[in-house]
């Protein structure tokens, strides 16, 4: 089977991606679920992109470039589920404006991980004036099992946090995770190229099939709390990580 080209993959993934803006900053998200009978849907992102807005009940703006539409979601119009350990989150809401594909992208199988050296790509909105949705690529450097995270030899900058990371297999595109952070190399006292951090999508496998309506999801959303720093003893990766949103 002929291998899908990266530019073709970008064209296929782009309709699922949104820019996320809060009073604190900007990030990226992507559609991971859509109800067949109504407009109820879910957007995945990094937890640190939305945790403060969730805690302070602030509005979250979603800009869907493919639809050329924007939507501001108030606290009572959404349900937010945060997995602080994995730095992943899901926003569930009733979609009335965005035109998204009928079929969602394929989630990589649970408990399956890519081998070191395999190439992956990711999309996001860099926090640079005038920058549009941008594509990045790199290779898996390692899998950190204790953190449910890939370290990737590639770049991630402010605004790209929460973007979809994906792998190509023939004509198929598999979502493997969420862009979480970038670890710069400061061994010489200056910032040199480092490693990107991509968090596993386990939360989406567990959460998406659970709810039939926004009211049901709202009654079970994650209690609002700010993410707490992780100590060196708990995670060397997280402590040395610079979030990219």
Foldseek 3Di string as FASTA:
>chain_A
DAWDDPVNVCVVQLQFKKWKQWPVGIAIWGWAAADPPFQKTKIKFFQQRCQVCQQVQTWMKIQRVVQRDIDIAGSVFWFKAHDLLQRMIMIIGRDDRRDGDPDGAAADDPPDDDDFFAKKKWWWAAPDPPGDIDIKMFTFHDQDVLRQKTWTQIDFAAHHGTIWMWHIDGPGIYTAFTWWFAQFDCVVPDGDRGTTIGHGPVVCVVPRVPDDDRVVSNVPGDPRDHRDQDDCVSDVVRVRTGTRD
